[in-house]
Amino acid sequence: METEYAALTKRLELNQGLPYSPDWSAAADFLEIVVRYCLDHAPSFILECGSGVSTLMLSRCCQINGKGKVVSLEDGAPFADRSRAYLERYGLDAYATVLHAPLAPVRIDDVDYQWYRREAIPEGDIDMFVIDGPSGFIGKNARYPALPLMQPRLVKGCRVFLDDAARPDEREIVGLWQSHCAGLQHEYLDTARGCSVLTVCD
């Protein structure tokens, strides 16, 4: 229910509704973590996997900060359209771009995955990365490609937030990231669904 986000919507003055989806929207405790970080650190380029309530809240944080932009990758066209409509409703479309990025095959270390098409992602260094997609049902360790594919663009100090980190796949993904992507520090936060926070140190 949208009431789960009441404290956040009040703080961010988002009083015209949210693009809430019962089965897909991030939990309020995860959003509290990413919103607090965004407001405290004012990142310039936020890349997000999966659009929705988080896109709206992070773009509002950028507006409050007076800097920064969210680029959100969304594989579902209806979800992308819905997220864009809410950004326009709040006048936040200057602070966020929702890209319809269908999933495409990608091979990493001799393993096949499905991940977002990357052609339309704007150039630039990424200093905050929020990973809440793609959906786990598409295959084992579905979110693993995010760091191997995007690490060259993550600046030193970039903070990576992985939602649903209590799930077995996500726990395995974090271990794989630490093994294959040098210079990562990891902290696990015991939220409702689990949140892994990784910091790029090299």
N, C-alpha and C. Protein backbone atom coordinates (compact mmCIF):
# COMPACT_ATOMS: atom_id res chain seq x y z
N MET A 1 0.83 -1.20 0.00
CA MET A 1 0.00 0.00 0.00
C MET A 1 0.86 1.24 0.00
N GLU A 2 0.35 2.30 -0.63
CA GLU A 2 1.10 3.55 -0.71
C GLU A 2 1.34 4.16 0.68
N THR A 3 0.48 3.83 1.65
CA THR A 3 0.67 4.38 2.99
C THR A 3 1.99 3.94 3.60
N GLU A 4 2.56 2.85 3.12
CA GLU A 4 3.87 2.39 3.57
C GLU A 4 4.92 3.48 3.38
N TYR A 5 4.70 4.36 2.40
CA TYR A 5 5.68 5.39 2.05
C TYR A 5 5.32 6.76 2.62
N ALA A 6 4.40 6.81 3.58
CA ALA A 6 3.86 8.10 4.02
C ALA A 6 4.94 9.06 4.50
N ALA A 7 5.89 8.56 5.29
CA ALA A 7 6.94 9.46 5.82
C ALA A 7 7.80 10.01 4.69
N LEU A 8 8.12 9.17 3.72
CA LEU A 8 8.95 9.62 2.60
C LEU A 8 8.19 10.60 1.71
N THR A 9 6.93 10.31 1.43
CA THR A 9 6.17 11.21 0.56
C THR A 9 5.98 12.56 1.23
N LYS A 10 5.83 12.57 2.55
CA LYS A 10 5.70 13.84 3.26
C LYS A 10 7.01 14.62 3.20
N ARG A 11 8.13 13.94 3.46
CA ARG A 11 9.43 14.61 3.45
C ARG A 11 9.74 15.18 2.08
N LEU A 12 9.42 14.41 1.02
CA LEU A 12 9.75 14.82 -0.34
C LEU A 12 8.64 15.62 -1.01
N GLU A 13 7.53 15.80 -0.30
CA GLU A 13 6.38 16.56 -0.83
C GLU A 13 5.86 15.95 -2.13
N LEU A 14 5.70 14.65 -2.11
CA LEU A 14 5.13 13.93 -3.26
C LEU A 14 3.69 13.54 -2.90
N ASN A 15 2.81 14.50 -3.01
CA ASN A 15 1.44 14.32 -2.51
C ASN A 15 0.42 14.11 -3.62
N GLN A 16 0.89 13.77 -4.82
CA GLN A 16 -0.04 13.54 -5.93
C GLN A 16 -0.02 12.08 -6.39
N GLY A 17 0.26 11.19 -5.45
CA GLY A 17 0.27 9.77 -5.78
C GLY A 17 1.64 9.26 -6.20
N LEU A 18 1.76 7.93 -6.21
CA LEU A 18 3.02 7.26 -6.55
C LEU A 18 2.77 6.19 -7.60
N PRO A 19 3.77 5.88 -8.43
CA PRO A 19 3.64 4.77 -9.39
C PRO A 19 3.84 3.43 -8.69
N TYR A 20 2.95 3.13 -7.75
CA TYR A 20 3.09 1.97 -6.87
C TYR A 20 2.56 0.71 -7.55
N SER A 21 3.32 -0.38 -7.44
CA SER A 21 2.89 -1.69 -7.93
C SER A 21 3.09 -2.69 -6.79
N PRO A 22 2.03 -3.34 -6.31
CA PRO A 22 2.15 -4.22 -5.14
C PRO A 22 3.23 -5.29 -5.28
N ASP A 23 3.40 -5.83 -6.47
CA ASP A 23 4.34 -6.93 -6.65
C ASP A 23 5.76 -6.48 -6.97
N TRP A 24 5.94 -5.20 -7.32
CA TRP A 24 7.24 -4.79 -7.86
C TRP A 24 7.90 -3.62 -7.13
N SER A 25 7.14 -2.77 -6.49
CA SER A 25 7.74 -1.57 -5.89
C SER A 25 8.66 -1.92 -4.73
N ALA A 26 9.77 -1.19 -4.64
CA ALA A 26 10.71 -1.37 -3.54
C ALA A 26 10.05 -1.02 -2.22
N ALA A 27 10.47 -1.69 -1.16
CA ALA A 27 9.93 -1.43 0.17
C ALA A 27 10.41 -0.08 0.68
N ALA A 28 9.64 0.47 1.63
CA ALA A 28 9.94 1.81 2.15
C ALA A 28 11.30 1.87 2.83
N ASP A 29 11.70 0.79 3.52
CA ASP A 29 12.99 0.85 4.23
C ASP A 29 14.17 0.90 3.26
N PHE A 30 14.05 0.23 2.12
CA PHE A 30 15.10 0.34 1.09
C PHE A 30 15.12 1.75 0.50
N LEU A 31 13.94 2.29 0.21
CA LEU A 31 13.87 3.63 -0.35
C LEU A 31 14.39 4.67 0.63
N GLU A 32 14.15 4.47 1.91
CA GLU A 32 14.67 5.39 2.92
C GLU A 32 16.20 5.45 2.85
N ILE A 33 16.83 4.30 2.64
CA ILE A 33 18.29 4.24 2.57
C ILE A 33 18.81 5.00 1.35
N VAL A 34 18.22 4.75 0.18
CA VAL A 34 18.73 5.39 -1.03
C VAL A 34 18.40 6.88 -1.06
N VAL A 35 17.23 7.26 -0.54
CA VAL A 35 16.86 8.67 -0.48
C VAL A 35 17.81 9.42 0.45
N ARG A 36 18.08 8.86 1.62
CA ARG A 36 18.97 9.52 2.57
C ARG A 36 20.36 9.70 1.97
N TYR A 37 20.85 8.65 1.30
CA TYR A 37 22.17 8.75 0.68
C TYR A 37 22.18 9.83 -0.40
N CYS A 38 21.15 9.85 -1.23
CA CYS A 38 21.10 10.82 -2.33
C CYS A 38 21.05 12.25 -1.79
N LEU A 39 20.27 12.49 -0.77
CA LEU A 39 20.17 13.83 -0.20
C LEU A 39 21.47 14.24 0.49
N ASP A 40 22.14 13.28 1.12
CA ASP A 40 23.37 13.60 1.86
C ASP A 40 24.58 13.80 0.95
N HIS A 41 24.61 13.08 -0.19
CA HIS A 41 25.82 13.06 -1.02
C HIS A 41 25.65 13.72 -2.38
N ALA A 42 24.43 14.03 -2.77
CA ALA A 42 24.15 14.75 -4.01
C ALA A 42 24.91 14.19 -5.21
N PRO A 43 24.68 12.91 -5.57
CA PRO A 43 25.36 12.34 -6.73
C PRO A 43 24.97 13.05 -8.02
N SER A 44 25.86 12.97 -9.01
CA SER A 44 25.62 13.64 -10.30
C SER A 44 24.89 12.74 -11.29
N PHE A 45 25.23 11.45 -11.30
CA PHE A 45 24.67 10.52 -12.28
C PHE A 45 24.25 9.26 -11.53
N ILE A 46 22.95 9.08 -11.41
CA ILE A 46 22.38 7.91 -10.75
C ILE A 46 21.86 6.97 -11.82
N LEU A 47 22.40 5.77 -11.90
CA LEU A 47 21.88 4.75 -12.80
C LEU A 47 21.02 3.81 -11.98
N GLU A 48 19.88 3.47 -12.55
CA GLU A 48 18.90 2.66 -11.82
C GLU A 48 18.43 1.53 -12.72
N CYS A 49 18.35 0.32 -12.17
CA CYS A 49 17.79 -0.83 -12.87
C CYS A 49 16.39 -1.08 -12.33
N GLY A 50 15.39 -0.79 -13.14
CA GLY A 50 14.01 -0.91 -12.72
C GLY A 50 13.45 0.44 -12.30
N SER A 51 12.35 0.85 -12.93
CA SER A 51 11.79 2.19 -12.65
C SER A 51 10.54 2.09 -11.79
N GLY A 52 10.12 3.24 -11.24
CA GLY A 52 8.90 3.27 -10.44
C GLY A 52 8.99 4.29 -9.33
N VAL A 53 8.58 3.89 -8.12
CA VAL A 53 8.59 4.79 -6.97
C VAL A 53 10.00 5.32 -6.72
N SER A 54 10.99 4.45 -6.84
CA SER A 54 12.38 4.89 -6.60
C SER A 54 12.80 5.97 -7.58
N THR A 55 12.40 5.86 -8.84
CA THR A 55 12.75 6.88 -9.84
C THR A 55 12.18 8.23 -9.45
N LEU A 56 10.93 8.22 -9.04
CA LEU A 56 10.27 9.47 -8.65
C LEU A 56 10.97 10.09 -7.44
N MET A 57 11.25 9.27 -6.44
CA MET A 57 11.86 9.80 -5.22
C MET A 57 13.29 10.28 -5.45
N LEU A 58 14.06 9.54 -6.21
CA LEU A 58 15.44 9.95 -6.46
C LEU A 58 15.49 11.21 -7.32
N SER A 59 14.58 11.33 -8.28
CA SER A 59 14.57 12.55 -9.09
C SER A 59 14.16 13.76 -8.25
N ARG A 60 13.26 13.55 -7.31
CA ARG A 60 12.89 14.64 -6.40
C ARG A 60 14.08 15.03 -5.52
N CYS A 61 14.87 14.04 -5.10
CA CYS A 61 16.09 14.34 -4.34
C CYS A 61 17.04 15.21 -5.17
N CYS A 62 17.18 14.87 -6.45
CA CYS A 62 18.05 15.68 -7.33
C CYS A 62 17.53 17.10 -7.43
N GLN A 63 16.22 17.25 -7.52
CA GLN A 63 15.64 18.60 -7.58
C GLN A 63 15.95 19.37 -6.29
N ILE A 64 15.80 18.73 -5.16
CA ILE A 64 16.09 19.37 -3.88
C ILE A 64 17.57 19.74 -3.80
N ASN A 65 18.43 18.82 -4.27
CA ASN A 65 19.87 19.07 -4.24
C ASN A 65 20.31 20.15 -5.21
N GLY A 66 19.50 20.37 -6.23
CA GLY A 66 19.88 21.32 -7.27
C GLY A 66 20.92 20.78 -8.21
N LYS A 67 21.07 19.46 -8.26
CA LYS A 67 22.03 18.81 -9.17
C LYS A 67 21.69 17.34 -9.28
N GLY A 68 22.23 16.74 -10.33
CA GLY A 68 22.09 15.30 -10.50
C GLY A 68 20.97 14.92 -11.43
N LYS A 69 21.08 13.72 -11.97
CA LYS A 69 20.04 13.17 -12.84
C LYS A 69 19.99 11.66 -12.69
N VAL A 70 18.78 11.12 -12.79
CA VAL A 70 18.54 9.69 -12.73
C VAL A 70 18.34 9.16 -14.15
N VAL A 71 19.02 8.07 -14.48
CA VAL A 71 18.75 7.34 -15.71
C VAL A 71 18.28 5.95 -15.29
N SER A 72 17.04 5.64 -15.64
CA SER A 72 16.42 4.39 -15.20
C SER A 72 16.20 3.46 -16.38
N LEU A 73 16.69 2.22 -16.24
CA LEU A 73 16.53 1.20 -17.28
C LEU A 73 15.29 0.36 -16.94
N GLU A 74 14.36 0.28 -17.87
CA GLU A 74 13.11 -0.44 -17.64
C GLU A 74 12.83 -1.35 -18.82
N ASP A 75 12.70 -2.65 -18.57
CA ASP A 75 12.48 -3.58 -19.69
C ASP A 75 11.01 -3.67 -20.09
N GLY A 76 10.10 -3.25 -19.23
CA GLY A 76 8.68 -3.30 -19.56
C GLY A 76 8.18 -1.95 -20.06
N ALA A 77 7.73 -1.89 -21.30
CA ALA A 77 7.28 -0.62 -21.88
C ALA A 77 6.14 0.02 -21.08
N PRO A 78 5.12 -0.72 -20.63
CA PRO A 78 4.05 -0.07 -19.84
C PRO A 78 4.57 0.53 -18.54
N PHE A 79 5.53 -0.14 -17.89
CA PHE A 79 6.10 0.40 -16.65
C PHE A 79 6.91 1.68 -16.95
N ALA A 80 7.63 1.67 -18.06
CA ALA A 80 8.39 2.86 -18.44
C ALA A 80 7.45 4.04 -18.68
N ASP A 81 6.36 3.79 -19.41
CA ASP A 81 5.38 4.87 -19.68
C ASP A 81 4.77 5.39 -18.39
N ARG A 82 4.46 4.50 -17.48
CA ARG A 82 3.85 4.91 -16.21
C ARG A 82 4.82 5.77 -15.40
N SER A 83 6.08 5.34 -15.35
CA SER A 83 7.08 6.12 -14.61
C SER A 83 7.24 7.50 -15.21
N ARG A 84 7.29 7.59 -16.54
CA ARG A 84 7.42 8.89 -17.22
C ARG A 84 6.22 9.78 -16.91
N ALA A 85 5.03 9.19 -16.87
CA ALA A 85 3.83 9.98 -16.61
C ALA A 85 3.88 10.61 -15.22
N TYR A 86 4.38 9.88 -14.23
CA TYR A 86 4.48 10.43 -12.88
C TYR A 86 5.56 11.50 -12.80
N LEU A 87 6.65 11.31 -13.51
CA LEU A 87 7.68 12.35 -13.54
C LEU A 87 7.11 13.64 -14.12
N GLU A 88 6.34 13.53 -15.19
CA GLU A 88 5.73 14.71 -15.80
C GLU A 88 4.70 15.34 -14.84
N ARG A 89 3.94 14.51 -14.14
CA ARG A 89 2.94 15.02 -13.20
C ARG A 89 3.58 15.93 -12.16
N TYR A 90 4.76 15.55 -11.70
CA TYR A 90 5.44 16.31 -10.66
C TYR A 90 6.44 17.33 -11.21
N GLY A 91 6.54 17.41 -12.52
CA GLY A 91 7.50 18.34 -13.11
C GLY A 91 8.94 17.95 -12.84
N LEU A 92 9.19 16.64 -12.78
CA LEU A 92 10.53 16.13 -12.47
C LEU A 92 11.22 15.50 -13.67
N ASP A 93 10.63 15.63 -14.86
CA ASP A 93 11.20 14.96 -16.02
C ASP A 93 12.54 15.54 -16.44
N ALA A 94 12.89 16.72 -15.95
CA ALA A 94 14.23 17.26 -16.23
C ALA A 94 15.30 16.57 -15.38
N TYR A 95 14.87 15.86 -14.35
CA TYR A 95 15.81 15.22 -13.42
C TYR A 95 15.89 13.71 -13.60
N ALA A 96 15.14 13.17 -14.53
CA ALA A 96 15.16 11.71 -14.73
C ALA A 96 14.80 11.37 -16.16
N THR A 97 15.45 10.33 -16.66
CA THR A 97 15.12 9.77 -17.97
C THR A 97 14.85 8.29 -17.78
N VAL A 98 13.67 7.85 -18.20
CA VAL A 98 13.33 6.44 -18.12
C VAL A 98 13.50 5.85 -19.52
N LEU A 99 14.43 4.94 -19.65
CA LEU A 99 14.73 4.32 -20.94
C LEU A 99 14.05 2.96 -21.03
N HIS A 100 13.25 2.77 -22.09
CA HIS A 100 12.75 1.43 -22.34
C HIS A 100 13.92 0.62 -22.91
N ALA A 101 14.43 -0.30 -22.09
CA ALA A 101 15.62 -1.07 -22.44
C ALA A 101 15.29 -2.55 -22.35
N PRO A 102 14.75 -3.15 -23.44
CA PRO A 102 14.40 -4.57 -23.39
C PRO A 102 15.61 -5.43 -23.03
N LEU A 103 15.33 -6.58 -22.44
CA LEU A 103 16.41 -7.49 -22.08
C LEU A 103 16.97 -8.15 -23.33
N ALA A 104 18.28 -8.33 -23.32
CA ALA A 104 18.97 -8.93 -24.46
C ALA A 104 20.02 -9.91 -23.94
N PRO A 105 20.38 -10.92 -24.74
CA PRO A 105 21.37 -11.89 -24.28
C PRO A 105 22.73 -11.24 -24.07
N VAL A 106 23.41 -11.65 -23.02
CA VAL A 106 24.78 -11.22 -22.77
C VAL A 106 25.52 -12.39 -22.14
N ARG A 107 26.76 -12.58 -22.55
CA ARG A 107 27.56 -13.71 -22.05
C ARG A 107 28.72 -13.17 -21.23
N ILE A 108 28.81 -13.63 -19.98
CA ILE A 108 29.86 -13.19 -19.07
C ILE A 108 30.51 -14.42 -18.45
N ASP A 109 31.82 -14.55 -18.62
CA ASP A 109 32.55 -15.70 -18.06
C ASP A 109 31.90 -17.02 -18.45
N ASP A 110 31.54 -17.13 -19.73
CA ASP A 110 30.97 -18.35 -20.29
C ASP A 110 29.59 -18.72 -19.72
N VAL A 111 28.91 -17.75 -19.15
CA VAL A 111 27.54 -17.96 -18.65
C VAL A 111 26.62 -16.98 -19.38
N ASP A 112 25.47 -17.47 -19.81
CA ASP A 112 24.52 -16.64 -20.54
C ASP A 112 23.50 -16.03 -19.59
N TYR A 113 23.25 -14.73 -19.77
CA TYR A 113 22.28 -13.98 -18.98
C TYR A 113 21.39 -13.17 -19.92
N GLN A 114 20.36 -12.56 -19.34
CA GLN A 114 19.54 -11.56 -20.02
C GLN A 114 19.69 -10.27 -19.22
N TRP A 115 20.09 -9.19 -19.90
CA TRP A 115 20.22 -7.91 -19.20
C TRP A 115 19.79 -6.79 -20.13
N TYR A 116 19.63 -5.61 -19.58
CA TYR A 116 19.11 -4.47 -20.33
C TYR A 116 20.02 -4.09 -21.51
N ARG A 117 19.41 -3.72 -22.62
CA ARG A 117 20.18 -3.15 -23.72
C ARG A 117 20.82 -1.85 -23.26
N ARG A 118 22.09 -1.69 -23.55
CA ARG A 118 22.84 -0.56 -23.00
C ARG A 118 23.08 0.57 -23.98
N GLU A 119 22.65 0.40 -25.24
CA GLU A 119 23.00 1.36 -26.28
C GLU A 119 22.54 2.78 -25.97
N ALA A 120 21.40 2.91 -25.30
CA ALA A 120 20.83 4.24 -25.10
C ALA A 120 21.29 4.91 -23.81
N ILE A 121 22.09 4.23 -22.99
CA ILE A 121 22.53 4.84 -21.73
C ILE A 121 23.47 6.01 -22.05
N PRO A 122 23.17 7.20 -21.56
CA PRO A 122 24.04 8.34 -21.85
C PRO A 122 25.46 8.13 -21.33
N GLU A 123 26.40 8.79 -21.97
CA GLU A 123 27.79 8.73 -21.51
C GLU A 123 27.92 9.45 -20.17
N GLY A 124 28.97 9.11 -19.45
CA GLY A 124 29.23 9.81 -18.19
C GLY A 124 29.59 8.87 -17.07
N ASP A 125 30.28 9.41 -16.07
CA ASP A 125 30.68 8.64 -14.91
C ASP A 125 29.49 8.49 -13.96
N ILE A 126 29.34 7.30 -13.42
CA ILE A 126 28.21 6.97 -12.55
C ILE A 126 28.70 7.00 -11.10
N ASP A 127 28.02 7.76 -10.25
CA ASP A 127 28.45 7.82 -8.85
C ASP A 127 27.40 7.30 -7.87
N MET A 128 26.26 6.78 -8.38
CA MET A 128 25.29 6.06 -7.56
C MET A 128 24.57 5.07 -8.46
N PHE A 129 24.43 3.83 -8.00
CA PHE A 129 23.88 2.75 -8.83
C PHE A 129 22.87 1.99 -7.97
N VAL A 130 21.61 2.02 -8.38
CA VAL A 130 20.53 1.36 -7.65
C VAL A 130 20.04 0.18 -8.48
N ILE A 131 20.13 -1.02 -7.91
CA ILE A 131 19.82 -2.24 -8.68
C ILE A 131 18.60 -2.93 -8.06
N ASP A 132 17.47 -2.83 -8.76
CA ASP A 132 16.23 -3.47 -8.33
C ASP A 132 15.58 -4.16 -9.52
N GLY A 133 16.38 -4.67 -10.41
CA GLY A 133 15.93 -5.37 -11.60
C GLY A 133 17.14 -5.89 -12.35
N PRO A 134 16.92 -6.77 -13.33
CA PRO A 134 15.63 -7.30 -13.75
C PRO A 134 15.06 -8.30 -12.74
N SER A 135 13.86 -8.75 -13.01
CA SER A 135 13.17 -9.66 -12.10
C SER A 135 13.91 -10.99 -12.00
N GLY A 136 13.94 -11.53 -10.80
CA GLY A 136 14.66 -12.78 -10.57
C GLY A 136 14.11 -13.96 -11.34
N PHE A 137 12.83 -13.91 -11.72
CA PHE A 137 12.24 -15.09 -12.36
C PHE A 137 12.78 -15.34 -13.76
N ILE A 138 13.49 -14.36 -14.34
CA ILE A 138 13.97 -14.57 -15.72
C ILE A 138 15.13 -15.56 -15.78
N GLY A 139 15.78 -15.82 -14.66
CA GLY A 139 16.90 -16.77 -14.66
C GLY A 139 17.74 -16.61 -13.41
N LYS A 140 18.57 -17.58 -13.16
CA LYS A 140 19.42 -17.56 -11.98
C LYS A 140 20.38 -16.37 -12.03
N ASN A 141 20.54 -15.72 -10.88
CA ASN A 141 21.48 -14.59 -10.74
C ASN A 141 21.24 -13.52 -11.80
N ALA A 142 19.95 -13.20 -12.02
CA ALA A 142 19.58 -12.30 -13.12
C ALA A 142 20.22 -10.92 -13.00
N ARG A 143 20.54 -10.49 -11.79
CA ARG A 143 21.09 -9.14 -11.60
C ARG A 143 22.63 -9.11 -11.61
N TYR A 144 23.24 -10.27 -11.78
CA TYR A 144 24.70 -10.31 -11.75
C TYR A 144 25.36 -9.43 -12.81
N PRO A 145 24.85 -9.37 -14.06
CA PRO A 145 25.58 -8.61 -15.10
C PRO A 145 25.79 -7.14 -14.77
N ALA A 146 25.01 -6.58 -13.86
CA ALA A 146 25.05 -5.13 -13.62
C ALA A 146 26.47 -4.63 -13.36
N LEU A 147 27.20 -5.27 -12.46
CA LEU A 147 28.54 -4.76 -12.14
C LEU A 147 29.59 -5.11 -13.18
N PRO A 148 29.67 -6.35 -13.65
CA PRO A 148 30.66 -6.62 -14.70
C PRO A 148 30.50 -5.74 -15.93
N LEU A 149 29.26 -5.43 -16.30
CA LEU A 149 29.03 -4.63 -17.50
C LEU A 149 29.24 -3.14 -17.27
N MET A 150 28.89 -2.65 -16.08
CA MET A 150 28.92 -1.22 -15.84
C MET A 150 30.10 -0.76 -15.00
N GLN A 151 30.89 -1.67 -14.44
CA GLN A 151 31.98 -1.27 -13.56
C GLN A 151 32.95 -0.25 -14.18
N PRO A 152 33.28 -0.37 -15.47
CA PRO A 152 34.20 0.63 -16.04
C PRO A 152 33.69 2.07 -15.93
N ARG A 153 32.40 2.25 -15.74
CA ARG A 153 31.84 3.60 -15.64
C ARG A 153 31.57 4.05 -14.21
N LEU A 154 31.83 3.17 -13.24
CA LEU A 154 31.58 3.52 -11.85
C LEU A 154 32.81 4.22 -11.27
N VAL A 155 32.65 5.44 -10.82
CA VAL A 155 33.78 6.21 -10.32
C VAL A 155 34.17 5.71 -8.93
N LYS A 156 35.39 6.02 -8.54
CA LYS A 156 35.83 5.71 -7.18
C LYS A 156 34.91 6.39 -6.18
N GLY A 157 34.43 5.64 -5.21
CA GLY A 157 33.48 6.17 -4.24
C GLY A 157 32.04 5.93 -4.61
N CYS A 158 31.77 5.44 -5.83
CA CYS A 158 30.39 5.14 -6.23
C CYS A 158 29.77 4.17 -5.23
N ARG A 159 28.53 4.44 -4.88
CA ARG A 159 27.81 3.57 -3.96
C ARG A 159 26.77 2.78 -4.75
N VAL A 160 26.78 1.47 -4.55
CA VAL A 160 25.88 0.55 -5.25
C VAL A 160 24.91 -0.02 -4.23
N PHE A 161 23.61 0.06 -4.53
CA PHE A 161 22.56 -0.44 -3.63
C PHE A 161 21.81 -1.57 -4.33
N LEU A 162 21.87 -2.76 -3.77
CA LEU A 162 21.20 -3.93 -4.33
C LEU A 162 20.00 -4.28 -3.45
N ASP A 163 18.79 -4.21 -4.02
CA ASP A 163 17.58 -4.57 -3.28
C ASP A 163 17.39 -6.09 -3.31
N ASP A 164 16.52 -6.58 -2.44
CA ASP A 164 16.19 -8.01 -2.35
C ASP A 164 17.41 -8.86 -1.99
N ALA A 165 18.33 -8.26 -1.25
CA ALA A 165 19.62 -8.91 -1.00
C ALA A 165 19.55 -10.06 -0.02
N ALA A 166 18.38 -10.29 0.59
CA ALA A 166 18.22 -11.45 1.47
C ALA A 166 17.98 -12.73 0.68
N ARG A 167 17.64 -12.62 -0.61
CA ARG A 167 17.37 -13.81 -1.40
C ARG A 167 18.65 -14.57 -1.68
N PRO A 168 18.57 -15.89 -1.81
CA PRO A 168 19.78 -16.69 -2.07
C PRO A 168 20.53 -16.25 -3.32
N ASP A 169 19.82 -15.94 -4.41
CA ASP A 169 20.51 -15.51 -5.63
C ASP A 169 21.31 -14.23 -5.40
N GLU A 170 20.69 -13.27 -4.72
CA GLU A 170 21.38 -11.99 -4.51
C GLU A 170 22.58 -12.17 -3.59
N ARG A 171 22.48 -13.05 -2.61
CA ARG A 171 23.63 -13.32 -1.75
C ARG A 171 24.78 -13.91 -2.58
N GLU A 172 24.42 -14.81 -3.49
CA GLU A 172 25.44 -15.40 -4.36
C GLU A 172 26.02 -14.36 -5.30
N ILE A 173 25.16 -13.48 -5.82
CA ILE A 173 25.62 -12.42 -6.72
C ILE A 173 26.66 -11.54 -6.04
N VAL A 174 26.40 -11.13 -4.80
CA VAL A 174 27.36 -10.29 -4.09
C VAL A 174 28.70 -10.99 -3.94
N GLY A 175 28.67 -12.28 -3.63
CA GLY A 175 29.91 -13.04 -3.55
C GLY A 175 30.66 -13.08 -4.86
N LEU A 176 29.92 -13.26 -5.96
CA LEU A 176 30.54 -13.27 -7.29
C LEU A 176 31.12 -11.90 -7.63
N TRP A 177 30.39 -10.85 -7.31
CA TRP A 177 30.91 -9.51 -7.55
C TRP A 177 32.22 -9.28 -6.81
N GLN A 178 32.27 -9.68 -5.56
CA GLN A 178 33.47 -9.47 -4.77
C GLN A 178 34.64 -10.29 -5.30
N SER A 179 34.33 -11.45 -5.88
CA SER A 179 35.39 -12.30 -6.44
C SER A 179 35.91 -11.80 -7.77
N HIS A 180 35.02 -11.22 -8.58
CA HIS A 180 35.38 -10.89 -9.95
C HIS A 180 35.54 -9.40 -10.24
N CYS A 181 35.07 -8.56 -9.33
CA CYS A 181 35.18 -7.12 -9.53
C CYS A 181 36.05 -6.56 -8.42
N ALA A 182 37.25 -6.17 -8.75
CA ALA A 182 38.20 -5.74 -7.73
C ALA A 182 37.77 -4.43 -7.07
N GLY A 183 38.17 -4.28 -5.80
CA GLY A 183 38.01 -3.00 -5.13
C GLY A 183 36.61 -2.68 -4.66
N LEU A 184 35.88 -3.68 -4.17
CA LEU A 184 34.54 -3.46 -3.65
C LEU A 184 34.50 -3.70 -2.15
N GLN A 185 33.91 -2.78 -1.42
CA GLN A 185 33.61 -3.01 -0.01
C GLN A 185 32.12 -3.27 0.11
N HIS A 186 31.74 -4.20 1.00
CA HIS A 186 30.33 -4.61 1.10
C HIS A 186 29.82 -4.47 2.52
N GLU A 187 28.60 -3.96 2.63
CA GLU A 187 27.88 -3.93 3.90
C GLU A 187 26.47 -4.43 3.65
N TYR A 188 26.02 -5.34 4.52
CA TYR A 188 24.65 -5.86 4.42
C TYR A 188 23.78 -5.17 5.45
N LEU A 189 22.62 -4.64 5.01
CA LEU A 189 21.68 -3.99 5.90
C LEU A 189 20.43 -4.85 6.01
N ASP A 190 19.99 -5.08 7.22
CA ASP A 190 18.90 -6.02 7.49
C ASP A 190 17.54 -5.34 7.34
N THR A 191 17.21 -4.99 6.11
CA THR A 191 15.90 -4.43 5.80
C THR A 191 14.91 -5.57 5.58
N ALA A 192 13.67 -5.23 5.28
CA ALA A 192 12.62 -6.23 5.11
C ALA A 192 13.00 -7.27 4.04
N ARG A 193 13.60 -6.81 2.96
CA ARG A 193 14.00 -7.71 1.87
C ARG A 193 15.51 -7.85 1.74
N GLY A 194 16.25 -7.16 2.60
CA GLY A 194 17.70 -7.18 2.54
C GLY A 194 18.24 -6.14 1.58
N CYS A 195 19.29 -5.44 1.99
CA CYS A 195 19.92 -4.44 1.15
C CYS A 195 21.42 -4.61 1.25
N SER A 196 22.08 -4.84 0.13
CA SER A 196 23.52 -4.87 0.09
C SER A 196 24.02 -3.54 -0.46
N VAL A 197 24.96 -2.94 0.28
CA VAL A 197 25.55 -1.67 -0.12
C VAL A 197 27.02 -1.92 -0.42
N LEU A 198 27.41 -1.63 -1.64
CA LEU A 198 28.81 -1.82 -2.05
C LEU A 198 29.41 -0.49 -2.43
N THR A 199 30.66 -0.31 -2.06
CA THR A 199 31.38 0.91 -2.36
C THR A 199 32.55 0.59 -3.27
N VAL A 200 32.67 1.33 -4.38
CA VAL A 200 33.78 1.15 -5.30
C VAL A 200 34.98 1.88 -4.73
N CYS A 201 36.02 1.14 -4.38
CA CYS A 201 37.19 1.73 -3.72
C CYS A 201 38.37 1.93 -4.66
N ASP A 202 38.41 1.26 -5.79
CA ASP A 202 39.52 1.39 -6.75
C ASP A 202 39.00 1.96 -8.06
